[in-house]
Amino acid sequence: MWKWDWLGMSSLKAEGTVKRAMNIMHNGLAILQQGRVLVTDRLHGHILSVLLDIPHVLLDNCHQKLSSFHNTWTRGLKNCRLADNAEDASRYVMELLDEYGDSLPPRLTAADIKEKL
């Protein structure tokens, strides 16, 4: 298990808004594709996991923003589970690991994602 937050990325210090945004995006894509199952409490983590076909657990917060989005747009996905707490998230991670085994989705770049849209 690996815990990480985008706020710790050195790419945030890049010069220029566009360059900084591109660095963040490429670093984020690389990090999201490191493991077999992702647990995220960020909407962008969920959206990118959907685009990258990464099995993931969406951990909702007290505002229910994530569950509202999931229930409206991504409820039918096989590779996503919605959890209300860390205990449920852990159980769902184990389910996804059992279901997907050692398989990892193919690594994609930003250009690959654009083609999927």
PDB file of N, CA and C in Angstrom:
ATOM      1  N   MET A   1       0.843  -1.172   0.000  1.00  0.00           N
ATOM      2  CA  MET A   1       0.000   0.000   0.000  1.00  0.00           C
ATOM      3  C   MET A   1       0.891   1.239   0.000  1.00  0.00           C
ATOM      4  N   TRP A   2       0.484   2.226  -0.783  1.00  0.00           N
ATOM      5  CA  TRP A   2       1.254   3.446  -0.925  1.00  0.00           C
ATOM      6  C   TRP A   2       0.320   4.639  -0.821  1.00  0.00           C
ATOM      7  N   LYS A   3       0.595   5.558   0.089  1.00  0.00           N
ATOM      8  CA  LYS A   3      -0.236   6.745   0.253  1.00  0.00           C
ATOM      9  C   LYS A   3       0.481   7.924  -0.379  1.00  0.00           C
ATOM     10  N   TRP A   4      -0.265   8.700  -1.185  1.00  0.00           N
ATOM     11  CA  TRP A   4       0.335   9.801  -1.906  1.00  0.00           C
ATOM     12  C   TRP A   4      -0.704  10.890  -2.133  1.00  0.00           C
ATOM     13  N   ASP A   5      -0.258  12.142  -2.161  1.00  0.00           N
ATOM     14  CA  ASP A   5      -1.150  13.262  -2.437  1.00  0.00           C
ATOM     15  C   ASP A   5      -0.475  14.184  -3.440  1.00  0.00           C
ATOM     16  N   TRP A   6      -1.228  14.685  -4.380  1.00  0.00           N
ATOM     17  CA  TRP A   6      -0.677  15.521  -5.451  1.00  0.00           C
ATOM     18  C   TRP A   6      -0.017  16.786  -4.934  1.00  0.00           C
ATOM     19  N   LEU A   7      -0.359  17.243  -3.750  1.00  0.00           N
ATOM     20  CA  LEU A   7       0.234  18.465  -3.214  1.00  0.00           C
ATOM     21  C   LEU A   7       1.731  18.332  -2.987  1.00  0.00           C
ATOM     22  N   GLY A   8       2.234  17.120  -2.908  1.00  0.00           N
ATOM     23  CA  GLY A   8       3.661  16.908  -2.706  1.00  0.00           C
ATOM     24  C   GLY A   8       4.469  16.859  -3.991  1.00  0.00           C
ATOM     25  N   MET A   9       3.841  17.097  -5.123  1.00  0.00           N
ATOM     26  CA  MET A   9       4.539  16.987  -6.402  1.00  0.00           C
ATOM     27  C   MET A   9       5.465  18.175  -6.640  1.00  0.00           C
ATOM     28  N   SER A  10       6.685  17.901  -7.065  1.00  0.00           N
ATOM     29  CA  SER A  10       7.632  18.974  -7.367  1.00  0.00           C
ATOM     30  C   SER A  10       7.243  19.728  -8.629  1.00  0.00           C
ATOM     31  N   SER A  11       6.405  19.139  -9.480  1.00  0.00           N
ATOM     32  CA  SER A  11       6.005  19.806 -10.721  1.00  0.00           C
ATOM     33  C   SER A  11       5.191  21.071 -10.456  1.00  0.00           C
ATOM     34  N   LEU A  12       4.689  21.225  -9.221  1.00  0.00           N
ATOM     35  CA  LEU A  12       3.947  22.433  -8.892  1.00  0.00           C
ATOM     36  C   LEU A  12       4.843  23.668  -8.969  1.00  0.00           C
ATOM     37  N   LYS A  13       6.171  23.473  -8.955  1.00  0.00           N
ATOM     38  CA  LYS A  13       7.110  24.591  -8.971  1.00  0.00           C
ATOM     39  C   LYS A  13       7.580  24.944 -10.384  1.00  0.00           C
ATOM     40  N   ALA A  14       7.070  24.290 -11.404  1.00  0.00           N
ATOM     41  CA  ALA A  14       7.487  24.571 -12.776  1.00  0.00           C
ATOM     42  C   ALA A  14       7.098  25.996 -13.160  1.00  0.00           C
ATOM     43  N   GLU A  15       7.896  26.582 -14.040  1.00  0.00           N
ATOM     44  CA  GLU A  15       7.615  27.948 -14.478  1.00  0.00           C
ATOM     45  C   GLU A  15       6.502  27.951 -15.513  1.00  0.00           C
ATOM     46  N   GLY A  16       5.567  28.863 -15.362  1.00  0.00           N
ATOM     47  CA  GLY A  16       4.482  29.014 -16.325  1.00  0.00           C
ATOM     48  C   GLY A  16       3.302  28.116 -16.011  1.00  0.00           C
ATOM     49  N   THR A  17       2.126  28.665 -16.167  1.00  0.00           N
ATOM     50  CA  THR A  17       0.892  27.943 -15.838  1.00  0.00           C
ATOM     51  C   THR A  17       0.694  26.713 -16.709  1.00  0.00           C
ATOM     52  N   VAL A  18       0.886  26.841 -18.013  1.00  0.00           N
ATOM     53  CA  VAL A  18       0.656  25.719 -18.917  1.00  0.00           C
ATOM     54  C   VAL A  18       1.665  24.604 -18.645  1.00  0.00           C
ATOM     55  N   LYS A  19       2.935  24.960 -18.500  1.00  0.00           N
ATOM     56  CA  LYS A  19       3.964  23.946 -18.226  1.00  0.00           C
ATOM     57  C   LYS A  19       3.694  23.252 -16.893  1.00  0.00           C
ATOM     58  N   ARG A  20       3.299  24.014 -15.896  1.00  0.00           N
ATOM     59  CA  ARG A  20       2.990  23.436 -14.595  1.00  0.00           C
ATOM     60  C   ARG A  20       1.802  22.478 -14.713  1.00  0.00           C
ATOM     61  N   ALA A  21       0.765  22.880 -15.455  1.00  0.00           N
ATOM     62  CA  ALA A  21      -0.408  22.008 -15.629  1.00  0.00           C
ATOM     63  C   ALA A  21      -0.038  20.726 -16.365  1.00  0.00           C
ATOM     64  N   MET A  22       0.773  20.826 -17.393  1.00  0.00           N
ATOM     65  CA  MET A  22       1.197  19.636 -18.134  1.00  0.00           C
ATOM     66  C   MET A  22       2.037  18.716 -17.260  1.00  0.00           C
ATOM     67  N   ASN A  23       2.940  19.282 -16.475  1.00  0.00           N
ATOM     68  CA  ASN A  23       3.755  18.473 -15.565  1.00  0.00           C
ATOM     69  C   ASN A  23       2.887  17.741 -14.560  1.00  0.00           C
ATOM     70  N   ILE A  24       1.930  18.441 -13.995  1.00  0.00           N
ATOM     71  CA  ILE A  24       1.030  17.823 -13.014  1.00  0.00           C
ATOM     72  C   ILE A  24       0.258  16.681 -13.664  1.00  0.00           C
ATOM     73  N   MET A  25      -0.260  16.914 -14.871  1.00  0.00           N
ATOM     74  CA  MET A  25      -1.037  15.884 -15.546  1.00  0.00           C
ATOM     75  C   MET A  25      -0.185  14.644 -15.824  1.00  0.00           C
ATOM     76  N   HIS A  26       1.001  14.836 -16.383  1.00  0.00           N
ATOM     77  CA  HIS A  26       1.849  13.679 -16.704  1.00  0.00           C
ATOM     78  C   HIS A  26       2.300  12.939 -15.439  1.00  0.00           C
ATOM     79  N   ASN A  27       2.670  13.682 -14.411  1.00  0.00           N
ATOM     80  CA  ASN A  27       3.047  13.045 -13.150  1.00  0.00           C
ATOM     81  C   ASN A  27       1.865  12.298 -12.539  1.00  0.00           C
ATOM     82  N   GLY A  28       0.699  12.913 -12.582  1.00  0.00           N
ATOM     83  CA  GLY A  28      -0.497  12.271 -12.041  1.00  0.00           C
ATOM     84  C   GLY A  28      -0.833  10.980 -12.763  1.00  0.00           C
ATOM     85  N   LEU A  29      -0.748  10.998 -14.090  1.00  0.00           N
ATOM     86  CA  LEU A  29      -1.018   9.783 -14.866  1.00  0.00           C
ATOM     87  C   LEU A  29      -0.043   8.677 -14.497  1.00  0.00           C
ATOM     88  N   ALA A  30       1.219   9.034 -14.373  1.00  0.00           N
ATOM     89  CA  ALA A  30       2.238   8.030 -14.026  1.00  0.00           C
ATOM     90  C   ALA A  30       1.977   7.447 -12.643  1.00  0.00           C
ATOM     91  N   ILE A  31       1.615   8.283 -11.707  1.00  0.00           N
ATOM     92  CA  ILE A  31       1.386   7.811 -10.337  1.00  0.00           C
ATOM     93  C   ILE A  31       0.126   6.951 -10.254  1.00  0.00           C
ATOM     94  N   LEU A  32      -0.950   7.356 -10.906  1.00  0.00           N
ATOM     95  CA  LEU A  32      -2.187   6.580 -10.864  1.00  0.00           C
ATOM     96  C   LEU A  32      -2.010   5.182 -11.447  1.00  0.00           C
ATOM     97  N   GLN A  33      -1.069   5.016 -12.353  1.00  0.00           N
ATOM     98  CA  GLN A  33      -0.884   3.737 -13.028  1.00  0.00           C
ATOM     99  C   GLN A  33       0.152   2.838 -12.357  1.00  0.00           C
ATOM    100  N   GLN A  34       0.574   3.172 -11.147  1.00  0.00           N
ATOM    101  CA  GLN A  34       1.607   2.394 -10.455  1.00  0.00           C
ATOM    102  C   GLN A  34       1.082   1.096  -9.845  1.00  0.00           C
ATOM    103  N   GLY A  35      -0.122   1.102  -9.343  1.00  0.00           N
ATOM    104  CA  GLY A  35      -0.608  -0.053  -8.604  1.00  0.00           C
ATOM    105  C   GLY A  35      -1.687  -0.823  -9.326  1.00  0.00           C
ATOM    106  N   ARG A  36      -2.233  -1.796  -8.631  1.00  0.00           N
ATOM    107  CA  ARG A  36      -3.293  -2.621  -9.210  1.00  0.00           C
ATOM    108  C   ARG A  36      -4.676  -2.100  -8.875  1.00  0.00           C
ATOM    109  N   VAL A  37      -4.834  -1.472  -7.696  1.00  0.00           N
ATOM    110  CA  VAL A  37      -6.115  -0.890  -7.290  1.00  0.00           C
ATOM    111  C   VAL A  37      -5.824   0.453  -6.640  1.00  0.00           C
ATOM    112  N   LEU A  38      -6.597   1.449  -7.010  1.00  0.00           N
ATOM    113  CA  LEU A  38      -6.441   2.794  -6.475  1.00  0.00           C
ATOM    114  C   LEU A  38      -7.583   3.082  -5.504  1.00  0.00           C
ATOM    115  N   VAL A  39      -7.267   3.725  -4.397  1.00  0.00           N
ATOM    116  CA  VAL A  39      -8.295   4.254  -3.496  1.00  0.00           C
ATOM    117  C   VAL A  39      -8.149   5.763  -3.555  1.00  0.00           C
ATOM    118  N   THR A  40      -9.219   6.455  -3.888  1.00  0.00           N
ATOM    119  CA  THR A  40      -9.148   7.906  -4.017  1.00  0.00           C
ATOM    120  C   THR A  40     -10.352   8.587  -3.380  1.00  0.00           C
ATOM    121  N   ASP A  41     -10.087   9.766  -2.836  1.00  0.00           N
ATOM    122  CA  ASP A  41     -11.170  10.604  -2.334  1.00  0.00           C
ATOM    123  C   ASP A  41     -11.240  11.893  -3.157  1.00  0.00           C
ATOM    124  N   ARG A  42     -10.688  11.839  -4.351  1.00  0.00           N
ATOM    125  CA  ARG A  42     -10.663  12.995  -5.247  1.00  0.00           C
ATOM    126  C   ARG A  42     -11.444  12.685  -6.522  1.00  0.00           C
ATOM    127  N   LEU A  43     -12.265  13.628  -6.945  1.00  0.00           N
ATOM    128  CA  LEU A  43     -13.056  13.444  -8.155  1.00  0.00           C
ATOM    129  C   LEU A  43     -12.163  13.237  -9.376  1.00  0.00           C
ATOM    130  N   HIS A  44     -11.079  14.010  -9.480  1.00  0.00           N
ATOM    131  CA  HIS A  44     -10.188  13.849 -10.624  1.00  0.00           C
ATOM    132  C   HIS A  44      -9.509  12.485 -10.618  1.00  0.00           C
ATOM    133  N   GLY A  45      -9.222  11.947  -9.437  1.00  0.00           N
ATOM    134  CA  GLY A  45      -8.662  10.601  -9.353  1.00  0.00           C
ATOM    135  C   GLY A  45      -9.634   9.573  -9.898  1.00  0.00           C
ATOM    136  N   HIS A  46     -10.908   9.759  -9.588  1.00  0.00           N
ATOM    137  CA  HIS A  46     -11.950   8.855 -10.085  1.00  0.00           C
ATOM    138  C   HIS A  46     -12.078   8.975 -11.607  1.00  0.00           C
ATOM    139  N   ILE A  47     -12.170  10.201 -12.098  1.00  0.00           N
ATOM    140  CA  ILE A  47     -12.350  10.410 -13.538  1.00  0.00           C
ATOM    141  C   ILE A  47     -11.169   9.831 -14.317  1.00  0.00           C
ATOM    142  N   LEU A  48      -9.955  10.096 -13.857  1.00  0.00           N
ATOM    143  CA  LEU A  48      -8.789   9.549 -14.552  1.00  0.00           C
ATOM    144  C   LEU A  48      -8.739   8.028 -14.457  1.00  0.00           C
ATOM    145  N   SER A  49      -9.146   7.468 -13.325  1.00  0.00           N
ATOM    146  CA  SER A  49      -9.185   6.009 -13.197  1.00  0.00           C
ATOM    147  C   SER A  49     -10.181   5.407 -14.180  1.00  0.00           C
ATOM    148  N   VAL A  50     -11.293   6.084 -14.383  1.00  0.00           N
ATOM    149  CA  VAL A  50     -12.271   5.625 -15.364  1.00  0.00           C
ATOM    150  C   VAL A  50     -11.650   5.647 -16.758  1.00  0.00           C
ATOM    151  N   LEU A  51     -11.011   6.755 -17.114  1.00  0.00           N
ATOM    152  CA  LEU A  51     -10.406   6.880 -18.437  1.00  0.00           C
ATOM    153  C   LEU A  51      -9.256   5.896 -18.648  1.00  0.00           C
ATOM    154  N   LEU A  52      -8.515   5.602 -17.585  1.00  0.00           N
ATOM    155  CA  LEU A  52      -7.368   4.700 -17.673  1.00  0.00           C
ATOM    156  C   LEU A  52      -7.747   3.242 -17.444  1.00  0.00           C
ATOM    157  N   ASP A  53      -9.016   2.992 -17.123  1.00  0.00           N
ATOM    158  CA  ASP A  53      -9.516   1.637 -16.851  1.00  0.00           C
ATOM    159  C   ASP A  53      -8.804   1.002 -15.658  1.00  0.00           C
ATOM    160  N   ILE A  54      -8.572   1.805 -14.616  1.00  0.00           N
ATOM    161  CA  ILE A  54      -7.910   1.337 -13.403  1.00  0.00           C
ATOM    162  C   ILE A  54      -8.973   0.907 -12.389  1.00  0.00           C
ATOM    163  N   PRO A  55      -8.901  -0.317 -11.870  1.00  0.00           N
ATOM    164  CA  PRO A  55      -9.804  -0.693 -10.787  1.00  0.00           C
ATOM    165  C   PRO A  55      -9.578   0.249  -9.600  1.00  0.00           C
ATOM    166  N   HIS A  56     -10.670   0.769  -9.048  1.00  0.00           N
ATOM    167  CA  HIS A  56     -10.502   1.748  -7.975  1.00  0.00           C
ATOM    168  C   HIS A  56     -11.689   1.780  -7.028  1.00  0.00           C
ATOM    169  N   VAL A  57     -11.389   2.294  -5.832  1.00  0.00           N
ATOM    170  CA  VAL A  57     -12.406   2.502  -4.796  1.00  0.00           C
ATOM    171  C   VAL A  57     -12.510   3.996  -4.592  1.00  0.00           C
ATOM    172  N   LEU A  58     -13.729   4.474  -4.683  1.00  0.00           N
ATOM    173  CA  LEU A  58     -14.012   5.884  -4.500  1.00  0.00           C
ATOM    174  C   LEU A  58     -14.490   6.079  -3.067  1.00  0.00           C
ATOM    175  N   LEU A  59     -13.700   6.808  -2.292  1.00  0.00           N
ATOM    176  CA  LEU A  59     -14.002   7.024  -0.877  1.00  0.00           C
ATOM    177  C   LEU A  59     -14.730   8.354  -0.733  1.00  0.00           C
ATOM    178  N   ASP A  60     -15.996   8.291  -0.389  1.00  0.00           N
ATOM    179  CA  ASP A  60     -16.828   9.488  -0.310  1.00  0.00           C
ATOM    180  C   ASP A  60     -16.479  10.317   0.919  1.00  0.00           C
ATOM    181  N   ASN A  61     -16.884  11.589   0.885  1.00  0.00           N
ATOM    182  CA  ASN A  61     -16.664  12.479   2.029  1.00  0.00           C
ATOM    183  C   ASN A  61     -18.013  12.946   2.585  1.00  0.00           C
ATOM    184  N   CYS A  62     -17.981  13.809   3.579  1.00  0.00           N
ATOM    185  CA  CYS A  62     -19.213  14.242   4.238  1.00  0.00           C
ATOM    186  C   CYS A  62     -20.113  15.084   3.331  1.00  0.00           C
ATOM    187  N   HIS A  63     -19.557  15.661   2.271  1.00  0.00           N
ATOM    188  CA  HIS A  63     -20.358  16.476   1.352  1.00  0.00           C
ATOM    189  C   HIS A  63     -21.062  15.629   0.299  1.00  0.00           C
ATOM    190  N   GLN A  64     -20.712  14.385   0.198  1.00  0.00           N
ATOM    191  CA  GLN A  64     -21.284  13.418  -0.748  1.00  0.00           C
ATOM    192  C   GLN A  64     -21.154  13.842  -2.206  1.00  0.00           C
ATOM    193  N   LYS A  65     -20.160  14.655  -2.487  1.00  0.00           N
ATOM    194  CA  LYS A  65     -19.890  15.087  -3.861  1.00  0.00           C
ATOM    195  C   LYS A  65     -19.521  13.896  -4.742  1.00  0.00           C
ATOM    196  N   LEU A  66     -18.674  13.023  -4.202  1.00  0.00           N
ATOM    197  CA  LEU A  66     -18.193  11.890  -4.996  1.00  0.00           C
ATOM    198  C   LEU A  66     -19.284  10.856  -5.243  1.00  0.00           C
ATOM    199  N   SER A  67     -20.078  10.573  -4.226  1.00  0.00           N
ATOM    200  CA  SER A  67     -21.155   9.603  -4.422  1.00  0.00           C
ATOM    201  C   SER A  67     -22.213  10.151  -5.371  1.00  0.00           C
ATOM    202  N   SER A  68     -22.469  11.444  -5.312  1.00  0.00           N
ATOM    203  CA  SER A  68     -23.433  12.045  -6.235  1.00  0.00           C
ATOM    204  C   SER A  68     -22.952  11.913  -7.674  1.00  0.00           C
ATOM    205  N   PHE A  69     -21.677  12.219  -7.911  1.00  0.00           N
ATOM    206  CA  PHE A  69     -21.116  12.090  -9.253  1.00  0.00           C
ATOM    207  C   PHE A  69     -21.165  10.628  -9.698  1.00  0.00           C
ATOM    208  N   HIS A  70     -20.707   9.741  -8.830  1.00  0.00           N
ATOM    209  CA  HIS A  70     -20.672   8.309  -9.166  1.00  0.00           C
ATOM    210  C   HIS A  70     -22.079   7.786  -9.476  1.00  0.00           C
ATOM    211  N   ASN A  71     -23.027   8.102  -8.630  1.00  0.00           N
ATOM    212  CA  ASN A  71     -24.384   7.602  -8.838  1.00  0.00           C
ATOM    213  C   ASN A  71     -25.029   8.172 -10.095  1.00  0.00           C
ATOM    214  N   THR A  72     -24.640   9.374 -10.487  1.00  0.00           N
ATOM    215  CA  THR A  72     -25.197   9.996 -11.685  1.00  0.00           C
ATOM    216  C   THR A  72     -24.529   9.501 -12.966  1.00  0.00           C
ATOM    217  N   TRP A  73     -23.199   9.352 -12.963  1.00  0.00           N
ATOM    218  CA  TRP A  73     -22.467   9.125 -14.202  1.00  0.00           C
ATOM    219  C   TRP A  73     -21.746   7.783 -14.311  1.00  0.00           C
ATOM    220  N   THR A  74     -21.280   7.195 -13.231  1.00  0.00           N
ATOM    221  CA  THR A  74     -20.398   6.028 -13.369  1.00  0.00           C
ATOM    222  C   THR A  74     -20.855   4.821 -12.557  1.00  0.00           C
ATOM    223  N   ARG A  75     -22.079   4.804 -12.152  1.00  0.00           N
ATOM    224  CA  ARG A  75     -22.602   3.734 -11.291  1.00  0.00           C
ATOM    225  C   ARG A  75     -22.421   2.341 -11.883  1.00  0.00           C
ATOM    226  N   GLY A  76     -22.550   2.181 -13.169  1.00  0.00           N
ATOM    227  CA  GLY A  76     -22.528   0.857 -13.784  1.00  0.00           C
ATOM    228  C   GLY A  76     -21.143   0.272 -14.049  1.00  0.00           C
ATOM    229  N   LEU A  77     -20.097   0.964 -13.663  1.00  0.00           N
ATOM    230  CA  LEU A  77     -18.754   0.461 -13.934  1.00  0.00           C
ATOM    231  C   LEU A  77     -18.423  -0.746 -13.067  1.00  0.00           C
ATOM    232  N   LYS A  78     -17.859  -1.790 -13.691  1.00  0.00           N
ATOM    233  CA  LYS A  78     -17.479  -2.993 -12.955  1.00  0.00           C
ATOM    234  C   LYS A  78     -16.247  -2.790 -12.092  1.00  0.00           C
ATOM    235  N   ASN A  79     -15.355  -1.874 -12.512  1.00  0.00           N
ATOM    236  CA  ASN A  79     -14.068  -1.747 -11.829  1.00  0.00           C
ATOM    237  C   ASN A  79     -14.036  -0.609 -10.801  1.00  0.00           C
ATOM    238  N   CYS A  80     -15.199  -0.172 -10.358  1.00  0.00           N
ATOM    239  CA  CYS A  80     -15.264   0.896  -9.358  1.00  0.00           C
ATOM    240  C   CYS A  80     -16.213   0.496  -8.230  1.00  0.00           C
ATOM    241  N   ARG A  81     -15.780   0.782  -7.011  1.00  0.00           N
ATOM    242  CA  ARG A  81     -16.626   0.576  -5.831  1.00  0.00           C
ATOM    243  C   ARG A  81     -16.706   1.900  -5.074  1.00  0.00           C
ATOM    244  N   LEU A  82     -17.833   2.162  -4.460  1.00  0.00           N
ATOM    245  CA  LEU A  82     -18.037   3.374  -3.672  1.00  0.00           C
ATOM    246  C   LEU A  82     -18.055   2.993  -2.197  1.00  0.00           C
ATOM    247  N   ALA A  83     -17.176   3.630  -1.413  1.00  0.00           N
ATOM    248  CA  ALA A  83     -17.069   3.332   0.017  1.00  0.00           C
ATOM    249  C   ALA A  83     -17.363   4.580   0.836  1.00  0.00           C
ATOM    250  N   ASP A  84     -17.972   4.360   2.008  1.00  0.00           N
ATOM    251  CA  ASP A  84     -18.269   5.462   2.931  1.00  0.00           C
ATOM    252  C   ASP A  84     -17.194   5.638   3.989  1.00  0.00           C
ATOM    253  N   ASN A  85     -16.364   4.602   4.178  1.00  0.00           N
ATOM    254  CA  ASN A  85     -15.344   4.675   5.236  1.00  0.00           C
ATOM    255  C   ASN A  85     -14.156   3.784   4.866  1.00  0.00           C
ATOM    256  N   ALA A  86     -13.096   3.907   5.641  1.00  0.00           N
ATOM    257  CA  ALA A  86     -11.855   3.177   5.348  1.00  0.00           C
ATOM    258  C   ALA A  86     -12.042   1.663   5.443  1.00  0.00           C
ATOM    259  N   GLU A  87     -12.872   1.213   6.359  1.00  0.00           N
ATOM    260  CA  GLU A  87     -13.114  -0.230   6.505  1.00  0.00           C
ATOM    261  C   GLU A  87     -13.762  -0.799   5.245  1.00  0.00           C
ATOM    262  N   ASP A  88     -14.792  -0.119   4.746  1.00  0.00           N
ATOM    263  CA  ASP A  88     -15.430  -0.559   3.505  1.00  0.00           C
ATOM    264  C   ASP A  88     -14.454  -0.481   2.336  1.00  0.00           C
ATOM    265  N   ALA A  89     -13.652   0.591   2.292  1.00  0.00           N
ATOM    266  CA  ALA A  89     -12.680   0.750   1.216  1.00  0.00           C
ATOM    267  C   ALA A  89     -11.708  -0.428   1.205  1.00  0.00           C
ATOM    268  N   SER A  90     -11.229  -0.840   2.367  1.00  0.00           N
ATOM    269  CA  SER A  90     -10.302  -1.978   2.458  1.00  0.00           C
ATOM    270  C   SER A  90     -10.949  -3.254   1.937  1.00  0.00           C
ATOM    271  N   ARG A  91     -12.198  -3.475   2.307  1.00  0.00           N
ATOM    272  CA  ARG A  91     -12.917  -4.668   1.848  1.00  0.00           C
ATOM    273  C   ARG A  91     -13.074  -4.646   0.320  1.00  0.00           C
ATOM    274  N   TYR A  92     -13.413  -3.484  -0.233  1.00  0.00           N
ATOM    275  CA  TYR A  92     -13.577  -3.364  -1.681  1.00  0.00           C
ATOM    276  C   TYR A  92     -12.247  -3.532  -2.424  1.00  0.00           C
ATOM    277  N   VAL A  93     -11.165  -3.051  -1.826  1.00  0.00           N
ATOM    278  CA  VAL A  93      -9.846  -3.253  -2.439  1.00  0.00           C
ATOM    279  C   VAL A  93      -9.581  -4.743  -2.573  1.00  0.00           C
ATOM    280  N   MET A  94      -9.851  -5.499  -1.517  1.00  0.00           N
ATOM    281  CA  MET A  94      -9.618  -6.941  -1.561  1.00  0.00           C
ATOM    282  C   MET A  94     -10.499  -7.605  -2.622  1.00  0.00           C
ATOM    283  N   GLU A  95     -11.747  -7.159  -2.746  1.00  0.00           N
ATOM    284  CA  GLU A  95     -12.633  -7.698  -3.782  1.00  0.00           C
ATOM    285  C   GLU A  95     -12.062  -7.445  -5.176  1.00  0.00           C
ATOM    286  N   LEU A  96     -11.613  -6.212  -5.403  1.00  0.00           N
ATOM    287  CA  LEU A  96     -11.063  -5.878  -6.717  1.00  0.00           C
ATOM    288  C   LEU A  96      -9.765  -6.626  -6.992  1.00  0.00           C
ATOM    289  N   LEU A  97      -8.931  -6.800  -5.964  1.00  0.00           N
ATOM    290  CA  LEU A  97      -7.707  -7.580  -6.149  1.00  0.00           C
ATOM    291  C   LEU A  97      -8.036  -9.022  -6.506  1.00  0.00           C
ATOM    292  N   ASP A  98      -9.040  -9.600  -5.854  1.00  0.00           N
ATOM    293  CA  ASP A  98      -9.458 -10.963  -6.183  1.00  0.00           C
ATOM    294  C   ASP A  98      -9.998 -11.031  -7.613  1.00  0.00           C
ATOM    295  N   GLU A  99     -10.789 -10.029  -7.988  1.00  0.00           N
ATOM    296  CA  GLU A  99     -11.419 -10.033  -9.305  1.00  0.00           C
ATOM    297  C   GLU A  99     -10.412  -9.818 -10.428  1.00  0.00           C
ATOM    298  N   TYR A 100      -9.477  -8.902 -10.244  1.00  0.00           N
ATOM    299  CA  TYR A 100      -8.544  -8.559 -11.313  1.00  0.00           C
ATOM    300  C   TYR A 100      -7.195  -9.255 -11.191  1.00  0.00           C
ATOM    301  N   GLY A 101      -6.934  -9.903 -10.062  1.00  0.00           N
ATOM    302  CA  GLY A 101      -5.691 -10.641  -9.888  1.00  0.00           C
ATOM    303  C   GLY A 101      -4.468  -9.766 -10.062  1.00  0.00           C
ATOM    304  N   ASP A 102      -3.466 -10.303 -10.725  1.00  0.00           N
ATOM    305  CA  ASP A 102      -2.216  -9.577 -10.933  1.00  0.00           C
ATOM    306  C   ASP A 102      -2.228  -8.726 -12.197  1.00  0.00           C
ATOM    307  N   SER A 103      -3.365  -8.669 -12.868  1.00  0.00           N
ATOM    308  CA  SER A 103      -3.396  -7.924 -14.129  1.00  0.00           C
ATOM    309  C   SER A 103      -3.419  -6.420 -13.872  1.00  0.00           C
ATOM    310  N   LEU A 104      -2.683  -5.719 -14.701  1.00  0.00           N
ATOM    311  CA  LEU A 104      -2.677  -4.257 -14.675  1.00  0.00           C
ATOM    312  C   LEU A 104      -3.184  -3.761 -16.015  1.00  0.00           C
ATOM    313  N   PRO A 105      -3.961  -2.680 -16.005  1.00  0.00           N
ATOM    314  CA  PRO A 105      -4.351  -2.104 -17.296  1.00  0.00           C
ATOM    315  C   PRO A 105      -3.111  -1.610 -18.027  1.00  0.00           C
ATOM    316  N   PRO A 106      -3.144  -1.556 -19.354  1.00  0.00           N
ATOM    317  CA  PRO A 106      -1.980  -1.044 -20.084  1.00  0.00           C
ATOM    318  C   PRO A 106      -1.716   0.411 -19.708  1.00  0.00           C
ATOM    319  N   ARG A 107      -0.452   0.783 -19.666  1.00  0.00           N
ATOM    320  CA  ARG A 107      -0.087   2.168 -19.359  1.00  0.00           C
ATOM    321  C   ARG A 107      -0.470   3.063 -20.524  1.00  0.00           C
ATOM    322  N   LEU A 108      -1.071   4.178 -20.209  1.00  0.00           N
ATOM    323  CA  LEU A 108      -1.512   5.124 -21.220  1.00  0.00           C
ATOM    324  C   LEU A 108      -0.885   6.485 -20.987  1.00  0.00           C
ATOM    325  N   THR A 109      -0.764   7.245 -22.038  1.00  0.00           N
ATOM    326  CA  THR A 109      -0.272   8.625 -21.949  1.00  0.00           C
ATOM    327  C   THR A 109      -1.458   9.565 -22.137  1.00  0.00           C
ATOM    328  N   ALA A 110      -1.216  10.849 -21.983  1.00  0.00           N
ATOM    329  CA  ALA A 110      -2.262  11.847 -22.186  1.00  0.00           C
ATOM    330  C   ALA A 110      -2.816  11.760 -23.602  1.00  0.00           C
ATOM    331  N   ALA A 111      -1.969  11.498 -24.578  1.00  0.00           N
ATOM    332  CA  ALA A 111      -2.422  11.384 -25.977  1.00  0.00           C
ATOM    333  C   ALA A 111      -3.364  10.189 -26.136  1.00  0.00           C
ATOM    334  N   ASP A 112      -3.083   9.090 -25.452  1.00  0.00           N
ATOM    335  CA  ASP A 112      -3.949   7.907 -25.527  1.00  0.00           C
ATOM    336  C   ASP A 112      -5.315   8.222 -24.946  1.00  0.00           C
ATOM    337  N   ILE A 113      -5.355   8.963 -23.862  1.00  0.00           N
ATOM    338  CA  ILE A 113      -6.624   9.310 -23.230  1.00  0.00           C
ATOM    339  C   ILE A 113      -7.437  10.206 -24.152  1.00  0.00           C
ATOM    340  N   LYS A 114      -6.787  11.164 -24.784  1.00  0.00           N
ATOM    341  CA  LYS A 114      -7.482  12.063 -25.701  1.00  0.00           C
ATOM    342  C   LYS A 114      -8.153  11.270 -26.810  1.00  0.00           C
ATOM    343  N   GLU A 115      -7.493  10.217 -27.314  1.00  0.00           N
ATOM    344  CA  GLU A 115      -8.083   9.385 -28.363  1.00  0.00           C
ATOM    345  C   GLU A 115      -9.309   8.637 -27.861  1.00  0.00           C
ATOM    346  N   LYS A 116      -9.353   8.275 -26.570  1.00  0.00           N
ATOM    347  CA  LYS A 116     -10.496   7.549 -26.017  1.00  0.00           C
ATOM    348  C   LYS A 116     -11.726   8.443 -25.914  1.00  0.00           C
ATOM    349  N   LEU A 117     -11.493   9.753 -25.766  1.00  0.00           N
ATOM    350  CA  LEU A 117     -12.610  10.691 -25.636  1.00  0.00           C
ATOM    351  C   LEU A 117     -13.271  10.821 -26.964  1.00  0.00           C
TER     352      LEU A 117
END
